[in-house]
Amino acid sequence: MRKNSVQISVKKNSPEFKLYIIKDYQRLKSDENSRLSLNWNLNREIGKLNDRIHTDAIKNHLIPPELTPEQISYKYANEADMLNVVLFGMTAKQWRDENLGKKGNIRDEAELNLLLVLANMESYNAILIGQGKIMSERIVLLRELAVKQMEMLFMVGMDGIKKLPGGEAK
């Protein structure tokens, strides 16, 4: 036996050895999923903070005082759906209709990279709202931002990048 090697007392083709390999693989996958979950949760929390910046901009610049609570609610949902369409290619309702068995929403199911871009889009949209840009102008600018950021994430080697709906694949 070499000085740096580990001796396993079972044969490599034995059931005990196979079980050892399977259990070790499961442990490694569990550790990996735990780290990915932590990153996902962190990005989701950052997204919630940016969502607050976004909703404050909507409240301060897009909601006149004469609106009813129902109209105000619609305004917030409309802005959120605009971001969803720009980034995911569909509204929250369209996603729910296509994913009847899933709990949560389109953002809960999003990959880390998309959550990062979404958080940036919310901040940028808040700035554009503050500048008085109309929705059609904001859509174009937000789409450009999303495409550029997804391309940049792809170039720096982020795993799991998916092209934006309607965008060009790299």
Protein backbone atom coordinates (compact mmCIF):
# COMPACT_ATOMS: atom_id res chain seq x y z
CA MET A 1 0.00 0.00 0.00
CA ARG A 2 1.27 3.47 -0.92
CA LYS A 3 1.76 6.14 1.71
CA ASN A 4 -0.93 8.51 0.32
CA SER A 5 -3.56 6.02 -0.81
CA VAL A 6 -6.60 4.79 1.08
CA GLN A 7 -7.33 1.10 1.17
CA ILE A 8 -10.96 0.04 0.86
CA SER A 9 -11.61 -3.36 2.35
CA VAL A 10 -14.36 -4.25 -0.14
CA LYS A 11 -13.99 -5.26 -3.75
CA LYS A 12 -14.78 -2.58 -6.32
CA ASN A 13 -17.61 -4.58 -7.89
CA SER A 14 -19.21 -5.64 -4.59
CA PRO A 15 -22.64 -4.37 -3.47
CA GLU A 16 -21.02 -2.69 -0.45
CA PHE A 17 -18.70 -0.68 -2.68
CA LYS A 18 -21.56 0.33 -4.98
CA LEU A 19 -23.62 1.44 -1.99
CA TYR A 20 -20.66 3.45 -0.71
CA ILE A 21 -20.35 5.22 -4.07
CA ILE A 22 -24.09 5.93 -4.27
CA LYS A 23 -24.23 7.33 -0.73
CA ASP A 24 -21.19 9.51 -1.31
CA TYR A 25 -22.66 10.81 -4.56
CA GLN A 26 -25.95 11.63 -2.79
CA ARG A 27 -24.04 13.48 -0.07
CA LEU A 28 -22.14 15.53 -2.64
CA LYS A 29 -25.34 16.40 -4.53
CA SER A 30 -27.03 17.40 -1.29
CA ASP A 31 -24.12 19.70 -0.40
CA GLU A 32 -24.21 21.23 -3.88
CA ASN A 33 -27.98 21.79 -3.76
CA SER A 34 -27.67 23.39 -0.34
CA ARG A 35 -25.15 25.92 -1.65
CA LEU A 36 -27.27 26.63 -4.75
CA SER A 37 -30.34 27.10 -2.57
CA LEU A 38 -28.47 29.61 -0.40
CA ASN A 39 -27.43 31.59 -3.49
CA TRP A 40 -30.96 31.46 -4.88
CA ASN A 41 -32.42 32.70 -1.58
CA LEU A 42 -29.86 35.51 -1.39
CA ASN A 43 -30.72 36.67 -4.90
CA ARG A 44 -34.44 36.40 -4.13
CA GLU A 45 -33.94 38.62 -1.05
CA ILE A 46 -32.01 41.16 -3.12
CA GLY A 47 -34.88 41.04 -5.56
CA LYS A 48 -37.33 41.84 -2.77
CA LEU A 49 -35.30 44.90 -1.80
CA ASN A 50 -35.23 46.11 -5.40
CA ASP A 51 -38.94 45.40 -5.63
CA ARG A 52 -39.44 47.90 -2.80
CA ILE A 53 -37.45 50.52 -4.72
CA HIS A 54 -39.59 49.74 -7.76
CA THR A 55 -42.93 49.91 -5.95
CA ASP A 56 -41.97 53.19 -4.26
CA ALA A 57 -41.22 54.71 -7.69
CA ILE A 58 -44.61 53.51 -8.96
CA LYS A 59 -46.35 54.95 -5.90
CA ASN A 60 -44.56 58.30 -6.13
CA HIS A 61 -44.75 58.83 -9.91
CA LEU A 62 -47.47 56.70 -11.53
CA ILE A 63 -50.36 56.64 -9.06
CA PRO A 64 -52.55 59.72 -8.95
CA PRO A 65 -54.45 60.28 -5.67
CA GLU A 66 -57.88 59.80 -7.25
CA LEU A 67 -57.37 56.09 -8.04
CA THR A 68 -59.35 53.45 -6.18
CA PRO A 69 -57.52 50.69 -4.28
CA GLU A 70 -58.42 48.26 -7.07
CA GLN A 71 -56.96 50.59 -9.71
CA ILE A 72 -53.82 51.05 -7.62
CA SER A 73 -53.44 47.30 -7.31
CA TYR A 74 -53.83 46.95 -11.08
CA LYS A 75 -51.12 49.57 -11.65
CA TYR A 76 -48.59 47.65 -9.53
CA ALA A 77 -49.50 44.34 -11.19
CA ASN A 78 -49.25 45.90 -14.64
CA GLU A 79 -45.72 47.15 -13.94
CA ALA A 80 -44.65 43.76 -12.53
CA ASP A 81 -46.10 41.99 -15.57
CA MET A 82 -44.28 44.40 -17.88
CA LEU A 83 -40.99 43.31 -16.29
CA ASN A 84 -42.04 39.64 -16.51
CA VAL A 85 -42.82 39.96 -20.21
CA VAL A 86 -39.53 41.77 -20.92
CA LEU A 87 -37.46 39.16 -19.07
CA PHE A 88 -39.44 35.90 -19.18
CA GLY A 89 -41.58 36.47 -22.27
CA MET A 90 -44.87 36.03 -20.41
CA THR A 91 -47.07 37.49 -17.70
CA ALA A 92 -47.45 35.93 -14.27
CA LYS A 93 -50.92 34.68 -15.21
CA GLN A 94 -49.65 33.09 -18.42
CA TRP A 95 -46.95 31.31 -16.41
CA ARG A 96 -49.49 30.07 -13.83
CA ASP A 97 -51.76 28.79 -16.61
CA GLU A 98 -48.83 26.86 -18.14
CA ASN A 99 -47.60 25.54 -14.77
CA LEU A 100 -50.75 24.42 -12.97
CA GLY A 101 -48.99 21.86 -10.79
CA LYS A 102 -46.32 24.22 -9.47
CA LYS A 103 -46.54 26.27 -6.33
CA GLY A 104 -45.16 29.78 -6.21
CA ASN A 105 -44.74 32.06 -9.18
CA ILE A 106 -42.57 32.72 -12.21
CA ARG A 107 -39.96 34.49 -10.11
CA ASP A 108 -39.79 31.67 -7.56
CA GLU A 109 -38.92 29.27 -10.38
CA ALA A 110 -36.38 31.57 -12.05
CA GLU A 111 -32.69 30.72 -12.28
CA LEU A 112 -30.17 32.77 -10.31
CA ASN A 113 -29.04 34.67 -13.39
CA LEU A 114 -32.55 35.75 -14.25
CA LEU A 115 -33.18 36.91 -10.68
CA LEU A 116 -30.03 38.99 -10.82
CA VAL A 117 -31.07 40.63 -14.09
CA LEU A 118 -34.61 41.13 -12.77
CA ALA A 119 -33.31 42.94 -9.69
CA ASN A 120 -31.28 45.24 -11.93
CA MET A 121 -34.29 45.81 -14.18
CA GLU A 122 -36.43 46.84 -11.20
CA SER A 123 -33.88 49.42 -10.12
CA TYR A 124 -33.47 50.73 -13.66
CA ASN A 125 -37.24 50.86 -14.19
CA ALA A 126 -37.56 52.90 -10.98
CA ILE A 127 -35.07 55.40 -12.42
CA LEU A 128 -36.89 55.50 -15.77
CA ILE A 129 -40.23 56.04 -14.01
CA GLY A 130 -38.66 58.90 -12.06
CA GLN A 131 -37.49 60.41 -15.36
CA GLY A 132 -41.06 60.37 -16.64
CA LYS A 133 -40.50 57.79 -19.40
CA ILE A 134 -43.68 56.22 -20.74
CA MET A 135 -44.08 52.44 -20.61
CA SER A 136 -43.32 51.83 -24.29
CA GLU A 137 -39.98 53.66 -23.94
CA ARG A 138 -39.18 51.80 -20.72
CA ILE A 139 -39.88 48.44 -22.34
CA VAL A 140 -37.32 49.10 -25.08
CA LEU A 141 -34.68 50.33 -22.62
CA LEU A 142 -35.31 47.50 -20.16
CA ARG A 143 -35.12 44.90 -22.93
CA GLU A 144 -31.76 46.31 -24.04
CA LEU A 145 -30.50 46.16 -20.44
CA ALA A 146 -31.70 42.58 -19.98
CA VAL A 147 -30.12 41.35 -23.21
CA LYS A 148 -26.79 43.07 -22.45
CA GLN A 149 -26.69 41.69 -18.92
CA MET A 150 -27.56 38.16 -20.02
CA GLU A 151 -24.85 38.35 -22.67
CA MET A 152 -22.35 39.57 -20.07
CA LEU A 153 -23.27 36.77 -17.66
CA PHE A 154 -22.81 34.31 -20.50
CA MET A 155 -19.40 35.74 -21.37
CA VAL A 156 -18.15 35.50 -17.78
CA GLY A 157 -19.16 31.85 -17.74
CA MET A 158 -22.24 31.77 -15.53
CA ASP A 159 -23.83 28.32 -15.73
CA GLY A 160 -27.44 27.82 -16.66
CA ILE A 161 -27.84 30.95 -18.80
CA LYS A 162 -30.86 30.78 -21.02
CA LYS A 163 -31.49 33.18 -23.82
CA LEU A 164 -34.29 35.66 -23.36
CA PRO A 165 -37.49 34.85 -25.21
CA GLY A 166 -37.29 36.54 -28.60
CA GLY A 167 -33.58 37.30 -28.18
CA GLU A 168 -30.66 35.88 -30.07
CA ALA A 169 -28.74 32.97 -28.63
CA LYS A 170 -25.01 33.43 -28.12
